């Protein structure tokens, strides 16, 4: 948090509990208010207030069929709402409110609230560090993928002449260079040179790699 919250405390409850002083919404009276006014003042839904009651964070009084909240719960809601605005888990808020109920002085309540805020700030800092590492990893993966795409785009298309196509077809049949020379009516040296050129064009290390790539790329039938 950029600025330290003002942590003067309110007057204690009758039971002896204390609360840190947080600003109340300007549009809410410091007395009993209906649930609709409470919800509007803090920007929450009726269901949210019901949920806080279920978790033991608030206690609504009854005025006939209507739920109403007193000053103490208005102040408690200010603490709860502040905690939810910084995404503090409900369990952590419950623990904080229980500690405030157990406080025996205004100073202890204020220190309890400060300790909770510092603890949550450390948790957020840890999450921020994790997010930075994850973002860095995502950037690395994107860069790697983009580099791979660029390399694929830079691969030159392979063109084989009619005589090279005929030769690679014989190579795919498994014929040795001597047999290919006889079938193509060429001398052995010329066939070996032809095979070498074909292997180079397919960026292979030997005739088997060249044939495999030729099949995958459709130059030779796989049948």
C-alpha atoms as a PDB file:
ATOM      1  CA  UNK A   1       0.000   0.000   0.000  1.00  0.00           C
ATOM      2  CA  UNK A   2       1.396   3.398  -0.907  1.00  0.00           C
ATOM      3  CA  UNK A   3       0.164   5.201   2.167  1.00  0.00           C
ATOM      4  CA  UNK A   4      -0.133   3.938   5.709  1.00  0.00           C
ATOM      5  CA  UNK A   5      -3.787   3.821   6.819  1.00  0.00           C
ATOM      6  CA  UNK A   6      -4.802   5.966   9.753  1.00  0.00           C
ATOM      7  CA  UNK A   7      -5.164   3.476  12.572  1.00  0.00           C
ATOM      8  CA  UNK A   8      -6.768   5.358  15.425  1.00  0.00           C
ATOM      9  CA  UNK A   9      -9.461   3.208  16.972  1.00  0.00           C
ATOM     10  CA  UNK A  10     -13.124   3.564  17.631  1.00  0.00           C
ATOM     11  CA  UNK A  11     -14.704   3.368  21.031  1.00  0.00           C
ATOM     12  CA  UNK A  12     -14.884  -0.265  22.214  1.00  0.00           C
ATOM     13  CA  UNK A  13     -17.947  -2.415  21.981  1.00  0.00           C
ATOM     14  CA  UNK A  14     -19.829  -3.299  25.108  1.00  0.00           C
ATOM     15  CA  UNK A  15     -18.230  -6.778  24.973  1.00  0.00           C
ATOM     16  CA  UNK A  16     -14.768  -5.226  25.034  1.00  0.00           C
ATOM     17  CA  UNK A  17     -13.865  -5.506  21.324  1.00  0.00           C
ATOM     18  CA  UNK A  18     -12.072  -2.773  19.424  1.00  0.00           C
ATOM     19  CA  UNK A  19     -11.838  -1.846  15.742  1.00  0.00           C
ATOM     20  CA  UNK A  20      -9.280   0.079  13.677  1.00  0.00           C
ATOM     21  CA  UNK A  21     -10.595   3.406  12.449  1.00  0.00           C
ATOM     22  CA  UNK A  22     -11.351   3.305   8.758  1.00  0.00           C
ATOM     23  CA  UNK A  23     -13.394   5.886   6.854  1.00  0.00           C
ATOM     24  CA  UNK A  24     -17.086   5.174   6.514  1.00  0.00           C
ATOM     25  CA  UNK A  25     -19.033   5.867   3.304  1.00  0.00           C
ATOM     26  CA  UNK A  26     -20.195   9.463   3.335  1.00  0.00           C
ATOM     27  CA  UNK A  27     -23.761   8.488   2.482  1.00  0.00           C
ATOM     28  CA  UNK A  28     -24.383   6.211   5.468  1.00  0.00           C
ATOM     29  CA  UNK A  29     -25.674   7.409   8.856  1.00  0.00           C
ATOM     30  CA  UNK A  30     -23.847   6.267  11.977  1.00  0.00           C
ATOM     31  CA  UNK A  31     -26.889   4.487  13.403  1.00  0.00           C
ATOM     32  CA  UNK A  32     -29.182   1.654  12.382  1.00  0.00           C
ATOM     33  CA  UNK A  33     -29.525   1.261   8.629  1.00  0.00           C
ATOM     34  CA  UNK A  34     -31.593  -1.092   6.494  1.00  0.00           C
ATOM     35  CA  UNK A  35     -29.889  -3.782   4.456  1.00  0.00           C
ATOM     36  CA  UNK A  36     -30.605  -1.907   1.210  1.00  0.00           C
ATOM     37  CA  UNK A  37     -28.840   1.223   2.504  1.00  0.00           C
ATOM     38  CA  UNK A  38     -25.926  -0.869   3.818  1.00  0.00           C
ATOM     39  CA  UNK A  39     -25.525  -2.577   0.448  1.00  0.00           C
ATOM     40  CA  UNK A  40     -25.708   0.688  -1.499  1.00  0.00           C
ATOM     41  CA  UNK A  41     -23.261   2.466   0.797  1.00  0.00           C
ATOM     42  CA  UNK A  42     -20.545  -0.199   0.444  1.00  0.00           C
ATOM     43  CA  UNK A  43     -21.306  -1.147  -3.168  1.00  0.00           C
ATOM     44  CA  UNK A  44     -22.195  -4.782  -2.448  1.00  0.00           C
ATOM     45  CA  UNK A  45     -25.254  -6.953  -2.966  1.00  0.00           C
ATOM     46  CA  UNK A  46     -27.747  -8.147  -0.403  1.00  0.00           C
ATOM     47  CA  UNK A  47     -26.418 -11.659  -0.976  1.00  0.00           C
ATOM     48  CA  UNK A  48     -22.918 -10.490  -0.022  1.00  0.00           C
ATOM     49  CA  UNK A  49     -24.196  -9.148   3.292  1.00  0.00           C
ATOM     50  CA  UNK A  50     -26.060 -12.406   3.900  1.00  0.00           C
ATOM     51  CA  UNK A  51     -22.824 -14.275   3.149  1.00  0.00           C
ATOM     52  CA  UNK A  52     -20.886 -12.187   5.689  1.00  0.00           C
ATOM     53  CA  UNK A  53     -23.583 -12.977   8.252  1.00  0.00           C
ATOM     54  CA  UNK A  54     -23.277 -16.693   7.481  1.00  0.00           C
ATOM     55  CA  UNK A  55     -19.519 -16.443   8.066  1.00  0.00           C
ATOM     56  CA  UNK A  56     -20.048 -14.709  11.400  1.00  0.00           C
ATOM     57  CA  UNK A  57     -18.554 -11.409  10.264  1.00  0.00           C
ATOM     58  CA  UNK A  58     -21.753  -9.350  10.663  1.00  0.00           C
ATOM     59  CA  UNK A  59     -24.929  -9.647  12.732  1.00  0.00           C
ATOM     60  CA  UNK A  60     -28.133  -8.090  11.489  1.00  0.00           C
ATOM     61  CA  UNK A  61     -30.881  -7.046  13.906  1.00  0.00           C
ATOM     62  CA  UNK A  62     -34.556  -7.333  13.048  1.00  0.00           C
ATOM     63  CA  UNK A  63     -37.017  -4.515  12.856  1.00  0.00           C
ATOM     64  CA  UNK A  64     -40.176  -6.372  12.001  1.00  0.00           C
ATOM     65  CA  UNK A  65     -39.483  -8.233   8.726  1.00  0.00           C
ATOM     66  CA  UNK A  66     -36.554  -5.923   7.862  1.00  0.00           C
ATOM     67  CA  UNK A  67     -32.853  -6.527   8.482  1.00  0.00           C
ATOM     68  CA  UNK A  68     -31.044  -3.569  10.036  1.00  0.00           C
ATOM     69  CA  UNK A  69     -27.432  -2.974  11.009  1.00  0.00           C
ATOM     70  CA  UNK A  70     -26.178  -0.953  13.942  1.00  0.00           C
ATOM     71  CA  UNK A  71     -23.141   1.297  14.235  1.00  0.00           C
ATOM     72  CA  UNK A  72     -20.843  -1.522  15.315  1.00  0.00           C
ATOM     73  CA  UNK A  73     -21.639  -3.620  12.236  1.00  0.00           C
ATOM     74  CA  UNK A  74     -21.297  -0.577   9.999  1.00  0.00           C
ATOM     75  CA  UNK A  75     -17.776  -0.118  11.337  1.00  0.00           C
ATOM     76  CA  UNK A  76     -17.069  -3.841  11.046  1.00  0.00           C
ATOM     77  CA  UNK A  77     -18.268  -3.708   7.450  1.00  0.00           C
ATOM     78  CA  UNK A  78     -15.779  -0.906   6.774  1.00  0.00           C
ATOM     79  CA  UNK A  79     -12.961  -3.228   7.888  1.00  0.00           C
ATOM     80  CA  UNK A  80     -14.355  -6.225   5.973  1.00  0.00           C
ATOM     81  CA  UNK A  81     -14.882  -4.202   2.803  1.00  0.00           C
ATOM     82  CA  UNK A  82     -11.355  -2.775   2.954  1.00  0.00           C
ATOM     83  CA  UNK A  83      -9.969  -6.307   3.257  1.00  0.00           C
ATOM     84  CA  UNK A  84     -12.040  -7.569   0.333  1.00  0.00           C
ATOM     85  CA  UNK A  85     -10.894  -4.634  -1.829  1.00  0.00           C
ATOM     86  CA  UNK A  86      -7.327  -5.952  -1.512  1.00  0.00           C
ATOM     87  CA  UNK A  87      -8.537  -9.512  -2.220  1.00  0.00           C
ATOM     88  CA  UNK A  88      -7.893 -10.861   1.253  1.00  0.00           C
ATOM     89  CA  UNK A  89      -9.418 -14.362   1.594  1.00  0.00           C
ATOM     90  CA  UNK A  90     -12.533 -14.739   3.736  1.00  0.00           C
ATOM     91  CA  UNK A  91     -10.678 -17.111   6.087  1.00  0.00           C
ATOM     92  CA  UNK A  92      -8.018 -14.459   6.685  1.00  0.00           C
ATOM     93  CA  UNK A  93     -10.719 -11.835   7.328  1.00  0.00           C
ATOM     94  CA  UNK A  94     -12.390 -14.162   9.809  1.00  0.00           C
ATOM     95  CA  UNK A  95      -9.092 -14.610  11.623  1.00  0.00           C
ATOM     96  CA  UNK A  96      -8.518 -10.852  11.670  1.00  0.00           C
ATOM     97  CA  UNK A  97     -11.979 -10.068  13.009  1.00  0.00           C
ATOM     98  CA  UNK A  98     -11.599 -12.759  15.700  1.00  0.00           C
ATOM     99  CA  UNK A  99      -8.284 -11.213  16.729  1.00  0.00           C
ATOM    100  CA  UNK A 100      -9.914  -7.768  16.899  1.00  0.00           C
ATOM    101  CA  UNK A 101     -12.690  -9.154  19.102  1.00  0.00           C
ATOM    102  CA  UNK A 102      -9.993 -10.532  21.397  1.00  0.00           C
ATOM    103  CA  UNK A 103      -8.094  -7.221  21.545  1.00  0.00           C
ATOM    104  CA  UNK A 104      -7.979  -5.671  25.016  1.00  0.00           C
ATOM    105  CA  UNK A 105      -7.067  -2.159  23.936  1.00  0.00           C
ATOM    106  CA  UNK A 106      -7.370   0.215  21.028  1.00  0.00           C
ATOM    107  CA  UNK A 107      -3.595   0.087  20.509  1.00  0.00           C
ATOM    108  CA  UNK A 108      -3.634  -3.705  20.295  1.00  0.00           C
ATOM    109  CA  UNK A 109      -6.468  -3.625  17.754  1.00  0.00           C
ATOM    110  CA  UNK A 110      -4.605  -1.081  15.642  1.00  0.00           C
ATOM    111  CA  UNK A 111      -1.427  -3.187  15.749  1.00  0.00           C
ATOM    112  CA  UNK A 112      -3.402  -6.316  14.876  1.00  0.00           C
ATOM    113  CA  UNK A 113      -4.785  -4.603  11.795  1.00  0.00           C
ATOM    114  CA  UNK A 114      -1.328  -3.328  10.786  1.00  0.00           C
ATOM    115  CA  UNK A 115       0.141  -6.812  11.171  1.00  0.00           C
ATOM    116  CA  UNK A 116      -2.600  -8.278   8.956  1.00  0.00           C
ATOM    117  CA  UNK A 117      -1.987  -5.659   6.279  1.00  0.00           C
ATOM    118  CA  UNK A 118       1.783  -6.260   6.301  1.00  0.00           C
ATOM    119  CA  UNK A 119       1.251 -10.031   6.084  1.00  0.00           C
ATOM    120  CA  UNK A 120      -1.074  -9.627   3.102  1.00  0.00           C
ATOM    121  CA  UNK A 121       1.350  -7.215   1.472  1.00  0.00           C
ATOM    122  CA  UNK A 122       4.081  -9.876   1.709  1.00  0.00           C
ATOM    123  CA  UNK A 123       1.739 -12.417   0.123  1.00  0.00           C
ATOM    124  CA  UNK A 124       0.956 -10.032  -2.738  1.00  0.00           C
ATOM    125  CA  UNK A 125       4.683  -9.387  -3.257  1.00  0.00           C
ATOM    126  CA  UNK A 126       5.284 -13.144  -3.494  1.00  0.00           C
ATOM    127  CA  UNK A 127       2.431 -13.505  -5.993  1.00  0.00           C
ATOM    128  CA  UNK A 128       3.836 -10.603  -7.994  1.00  0.00           C
ATOM    129  CA  UNK A 129       7.218 -12.335  -8.152  1.00  0.00           C
ATOM    130  CA  UNK A 130       5.580 -15.549  -9.370  1.00  0.00           C
ATOM    131  CA  UNK A 131       3.599 -13.631 -11.995  1.00  0.00           C
ATOM    132  CA  UNK A 132       6.777 -11.924 -13.234  1.00  0.00           C
ATOM    133  CA  UNK A 133       8.475 -15.310 -13.670  1.00  0.00           C
ATOM    134  CA  UNK A 134       5.441 -16.691 -15.453  1.00  0.00           C
ATOM    135  CA  UNK A 135       5.272 -13.660 -17.760  1.00  0.00           C
ATOM    136  CA  UNK A 136       8.975 -14.074 -18.547  1.00  0.00           C
ATOM    137  CA  UNK A 137       8.439 -17.730 -19.374  1.00  0.00           C
ATOM    138  CA  UNK A 138       5.465 -16.882 -21.599  1.00  0.00           C
ATOM    139  CA  UNK A 139       7.617 -14.326 -23.423  1.00  0.00           C
ATOM    140  CA  UNK A 140      10.354 -16.923 -23.923  1.00  0.00           C
ATOM    141  CA  UNK A 141       7.871 -19.447 -25.290  1.00  0.00           C
ATOM    142  CA  UNK A 142       6.353 -16.873 -27.639  1.00  0.00           C
ATOM    143  CA  UNK A 143       9.795 -15.838 -28.848  1.00  0.00           C
ATOM    144  CA  UNK A 144      10.744 -19.474 -29.438  1.00  0.00           C
ATOM    145  CA  UNK A 145       7.517 -20.122 -31.335  1.00  0.00           C
ATOM    146  CA  UNK A 146       7.979 -17.002 -33.455  1.00  0.00           C
ATOM    147  CA  UNK A 147      11.588 -17.951 -34.226  1.00  0.00           C
ATOM    148  CA  UNK A 148      10.459 -21.419 -35.271  1.00  0.00           C
ATOM    149  CA  UNK A 149       7.779 -19.949 -37.518  1.00  0.00           C
ATOM    150  CA  UNK A 150      10.329 -17.596 -39.060  1.00  0.00           C
ATOM    151  CA  UNK A 151      12.693 -20.487 -39.719  1.00  0.00           C
ATOM    152  CA  UNK A 152       9.918 -22.468 -41.382  1.00  0.00           C
ATOM    153  CA  UNK A 153       9.081 -19.493 -43.565  1.00  0.00           C
ATOM    154  CA  UNK A 154      12.739 -19.182 -44.587  1.00  0.00           C
ATOM    155  CA  UNK A 155      12.962 -22.826 -45.772  1.00  0.00           C
ATOM    156  CA  UNK A 156      13.382 -22.751 -49.525  1.00  0.00           C
ATOM    157  CA  UNK A 157      11.094 -24.968 -51.590  1.00  0.00           C
ATOM    158  CA  UNK A 158      12.763 -28.022 -53.079  1.00  0.00           C
ATOM    159  CA  UNK A 159      12.767 -28.393 -56.842  1.00  0.00           C
ATOM    160  CA  UNK A 160      13.802 -31.626 -58.529  1.00  0.00           C
ATOM    161  CA  UNK A 161      14.499 -31.981 -62.203  1.00  0.00           C
ATOM    162  CA  UNK A 162      12.859 -34.841 -64.149  1.00  0.00           C
ATOM    163  CA  UNK A 163      16.061 -36.878 -64.000  1.00  0.00           C
ATOM    164  CA  UNK A 164      16.350 -36.259 -60.233  1.00  0.00           C
ATOM    165  CA  UNK A 165      12.740 -37.323 -59.717  1.00  0.00           C
ATOM    166  CA  UNK A 166      13.432 -40.543 -61.619  1.00  0.00           C
ATOM    167  CA  UNK A 167      16.575 -41.162 -59.608  1.00  0.00           C
ATOM    168  CA  UNK A 168      14.974 -40.558 -56.201  1.00  0.00           C
ATOM    169  CA  UNK A 169      12.149 -42.926 -57.175  1.00  0.00           C
ATOM    170  CA  UNK A 170      14.717 -45.668 -57.826  1.00  0.00           C
ATOM    171  CA  UNK A 171      16.460 -44.784 -54.570  1.00  0.00           C
ATOM    172  CA  UNK A 172      13.125 -45.202 -52.784  1.00  0.00           C
ATOM    173  CA  UNK A 173      12.843 -48.685 -54.334  1.00  0.00           C
ATOM    174  CA  UNK A 174      16.097 -49.530 -52.569  1.00  0.00           C
ATOM    175  CA  UNK A 175      18.155 -49.927 -55.716  1.00  0.00           C
ATOM    176  CA  UNK A 176      21.910 -49.397 -55.328  1.00  0.00           C
ATOM    177  CA  UNK A 177      23.715 -46.832 -57.432  1.00  0.00           C
ATOM    178  CA  UNK A 178      25.028 -49.489 -59.838  1.00  0.00           C
ATOM    179  CA  UNK A 179      21.501 -50.730 -60.566  1.00  0.00           C
ATOM    180  CA  UNK A 180      20.184 -47.167 -60.968  1.00  0.00           C
ATOM    181  CA  UNK A 181      23.025 -46.440 -63.410  1.00  0.00           C
ATOM    182  CA  UNK A 182      21.985 -49.390 -65.539  1.00  0.00           C
ATOM    183  CA  UNK A 183      18.267 -48.523 -65.388  1.00  0.00           C
ATOM    184  CA  UNK A 184      18.920 -44.886 -66.315  1.00  0.00           C
ATOM    185  CA  UNK A 185      21.587 -45.702 -68.879  1.00  0.00           C
ATOM    186  CA  UNK A 186      24.137 -43.534 -67.058  1.00  0.00           C
ATOM    187  CA  UNK A 187      27.639 -44.183 -65.839  1.00  0.00           C
ATOM    188  CA  UNK A 188      28.116 -44.863 -62.116  1.00  0.00           C
ATOM    189  CA  UNK A 189      29.969 -41.599 -61.411  1.00  0.00           C
ATOM    190  CA  UNK A 190      27.103 -39.541 -62.841  1.00  0.00           C
ATOM    191  CA  UNK A 191      24.547 -41.439 -60.728  1.00  0.00           C
ATOM    192  CA  UNK A 192      26.608 -40.999 -57.561  1.00  0.00           C
ATOM    193  CA  UNK A 193      26.814 -37.260 -58.277  1.00  0.00           C
ATOM    194  CA  UNK A 194      23.057 -37.185 -58.910  1.00  0.00           C
ATOM    195  CA  UNK A 195      22.377 -38.952 -55.600  1.00  0.00           C
ATOM    196  CA  UNK A 196      24.696 -36.558 -53.778  1.00  0.00           C
ATOM    197  CA  UNK A 197      22.823 -33.563 -55.211  1.00  0.00           C
ATOM    198  CA  UNK A 198      19.473 -35.078 -54.167  1.00  0.00           C
ATOM    199  CA  UNK A 199      20.723 -35.737 -50.619  1.00  0.00           C
ATOM    200  CA  UNK A 200      21.972 -32.143 -50.393  1.00  0.00           C
ATOM    201  CA  UNK A 201      18.682 -30.695 -51.620  1.00  0.00           C
ATOM    202  CA  UNK A 202      16.787 -32.588 -48.924  1.00  0.00           C
ATOM    203  CA  UNK A 203      19.353 -31.514 -46.318  1.00  0.00           C
ATOM    204  CA  UNK A 204      19.968 -35.164 -45.457  1.00  0.00           C
ATOM    205  CA  UNK A 205      23.064 -36.952 -44.237  1.00  0.00           C
ATOM    206  CA  UNK A 206      22.577 -40.020 -46.388  1.00  0.00           C
ATOM    207  CA  UNK A 207      20.323 -41.465 -49.102  1.00  0.00           C
ATOM    208  CA  UNK A 208      17.906 -42.958 -46.566  1.00  0.00           C
ATOM    209  CA  UNK A 209      17.200 -39.578 -44.972  1.00  0.00           C
ATOM    210  CA  UNK A 210      16.776 -38.028 -48.397  1.00  0.00           C
ATOM    211  CA  UNK A 211      14.313 -40.724 -49.436  1.00  0.00           C
ATOM    212  CA  UNK A 212      12.336 -40.378 -46.189  1.00  0.00           C
ATOM    213  CA  UNK A 213      11.975 -36.638 -46.699  1.00  0.00           C
ATOM    214  CA  UNK A 214      11.091 -37.130 -50.366  1.00  0.00           C
ATOM    215  CA  UNK A 215       8.260 -39.460 -49.329  1.00  0.00           C
ATOM    216  CA  UNK A 216       7.016 -37.084 -46.631  1.00  0.00           C
ATOM    217  CA  UNK A 217       7.041 -34.178 -49.071  1.00  0.00           C
ATOM    218  CA  UNK A 218       5.208 -36.096 -51.766  1.00  0.00           C
ATOM    219  CA  UNK A 219       8.041 -36.464 -54.300  1.00  0.00           C
ATOM    220  CA  UNK A 220       7.805 -40.205 -53.986  1.00  0.00           C
ATOM    221  CA  UNK A 221       4.724 -42.316 -53.447  1.00  0.00           C
ATOM    222  CA  UNK A 222       4.609 -44.077 -50.058  1.00  0.00           C
ATOM    223  CA  UNK A 223       3.008 -47.175 -51.650  1.00  0.00           C
END
